[in-house]
Amino acid sequence: MTGEKPHTEPGRRYMKVIIAGTRVKTPFETLLAAIEQSGWADRICEVVSGGASGVDRLGEHWARTRGIPVRRFEANWNRYGRRAGMIR
């Protein structure tokens, strides 16, 4: 085993992508179009999310439906208060 993730091909360049944004209800189709139009959708090997409702969760859903790992960094509002979003 080479340490490659099951959804990647050896010798090909991949990237981790942060998908985060507004908590306002956003249509999944809008996020999907943005990812697909980027030209990089087939090279994403991990999605990083802030775990908030809205775009963050849509990005997680997009990744999971494609077998792409998700790493979530949630803000600890109780510990850090209003600074939590930036600290995470």
Protein backbone atom coordinates (compact mmCIF):
# COMPACT_ATOMS: atom_id res chain seq x y z
CA MET A 1 0.00 0.00 0.00
CA THR A 2 1.39 3.38 -0.98
CA GLY A 3 -0.56 5.48 1.49
CA GLU A 4 -2.79 6.84 -1.26
CA LYS A 5 -6.42 7.44 -0.38
CA PRO A 6 -8.81 5.01 -2.07
CA HIS A 7 -10.34 7.75 -4.25
CA THR A 8 -7.01 9.07 -5.56
CA GLU A 9 -4.66 7.90 -8.29
CA PRO A 10 -0.88 7.69 -7.75
CA GLY A 11 1.05 10.37 -9.61
CA ARG A 12 -1.89 12.76 -9.86
CA ARG A 13 -1.99 16.01 -7.89
CA TYR A 14 -4.82 16.47 -5.38
CA MET A 15 -5.86 19.15 -2.94
CA LYS A 16 -7.72 19.72 0.27
CA VAL A 17 -10.44 22.35 -0.13
CA ILE A 18 -12.20 24.52 2.41
CA ILE A 19 -15.91 24.78 1.69
CA ALA A 20 -17.36 27.37 4.04
CA GLY A 21 -19.59 30.37 3.79
CA THR A 22 -22.88 31.92 4.67
CA ARG A 23 -25.33 30.29 7.06
CA VAL A 24 -28.17 31.62 4.91
CA LYS A 25 -30.05 28.88 3.09
CA THR A 26 -28.23 28.29 -0.19
CA PRO A 27 -29.51 25.94 -2.89
CA PHE A 28 -27.37 22.81 -3.24
CA GLU A 29 -27.38 23.37 -6.99
CA THR A 30 -25.56 26.70 -6.47
CA LEU A 31 -22.75 25.03 -4.52
CA LEU A 32 -22.60 22.15 -6.99
CA ALA A 33 -22.29 24.56 -9.93
CA ALA A 34 -19.49 26.48 -8.21
CA ILE A 35 -17.51 23.30 -7.53
CA GLU A 36 -18.04 21.86 -10.99
CA GLN A 37 -17.21 25.14 -12.75
CA SER A 38 -13.95 25.42 -10.80
CA GLY A 39 -12.45 22.69 -12.96
CA TRP A 40 -10.96 21.06 -9.87
CA ALA A 41 -13.83 18.87 -8.64
CA ASP A 42 -12.09 15.64 -9.67
CA ARG A 43 -8.90 16.61 -7.80
CA ILE A 44 -10.39 17.23 -4.36
CA CYS A 45 -9.14 14.64 -1.86
CA GLU A 46 -10.53 16.19 1.35
CA VAL A 47 -13.07 18.85 2.26
CA VAL A 48 -12.43 21.06 5.29
CA SER A 49 -15.51 22.58 6.91
CA GLY A 50 -16.34 24.91 9.77
CA GLY A 51 -19.39 22.76 10.51
CA ALA A 52 -21.86 25.65 10.39
CA SER A 53 -25.31 25.32 8.87
CA GLY A 54 -25.59 26.52 5.29
CA VAL A 55 -22.72 26.25 2.81
CA ASP A 56 -20.44 24.36 5.23
CA ARG A 57 -22.94 21.52 5.61
CA LEU A 58 -23.72 21.49 1.89
CA GLY A 59 -20.01 21.07 1.19
CA GLU A 60 -19.85 18.18 3.65
CA HIS A 61 -22.82 16.55 1.93
CA TRP A 62 -21.22 17.00 -1.50
CA ALA A 63 -18.01 15.37 -0.29
CA ARG A 64 -19.65 12.43 1.47
CA THR A 65 -21.80 11.56 -1.54
CA ARG A 66 -18.55 11.22 -3.51
CA GLY A 67 -16.64 9.28 -0.87
CA ILE A 68 -14.37 12.24 -0.11
CA PRO A 69 -13.25 12.57 3.53
CA VAL A 70 -14.49 15.57 5.52
CA ARG A 71 -12.58 17.28 8.33
CA ARG A 72 -14.73 19.55 10.47
CA PHE A 73 -13.39 22.38 12.64
CA GLU A 74 -16.27 23.64 14.75
CA ALA A 75 -16.04 26.87 16.71
CA ASN A 76 -16.09 26.51 20.51
CA TRP A 77 -18.45 29.40 21.23
CA ASN A 78 -18.84 28.50 24.92
CA ARG A 79 -15.10 28.69 25.57
CA TYR A 80 -14.04 31.54 23.29
CA GLY A 81 -17.18 33.60 22.87
CA ARG A 82 -17.36 35.88 19.84
CA ARG A 83 -13.72 35.13 18.92
CA ALA A 84 -14.42 31.42 18.45
CA GLY A 85 -14.98 31.60 14.71
CA MET A 86 -11.56 33.13 14.09
CA ILE A 87 -9.74 30.95 16.64
CA ARG A 88 -10.81 27.67 15.17
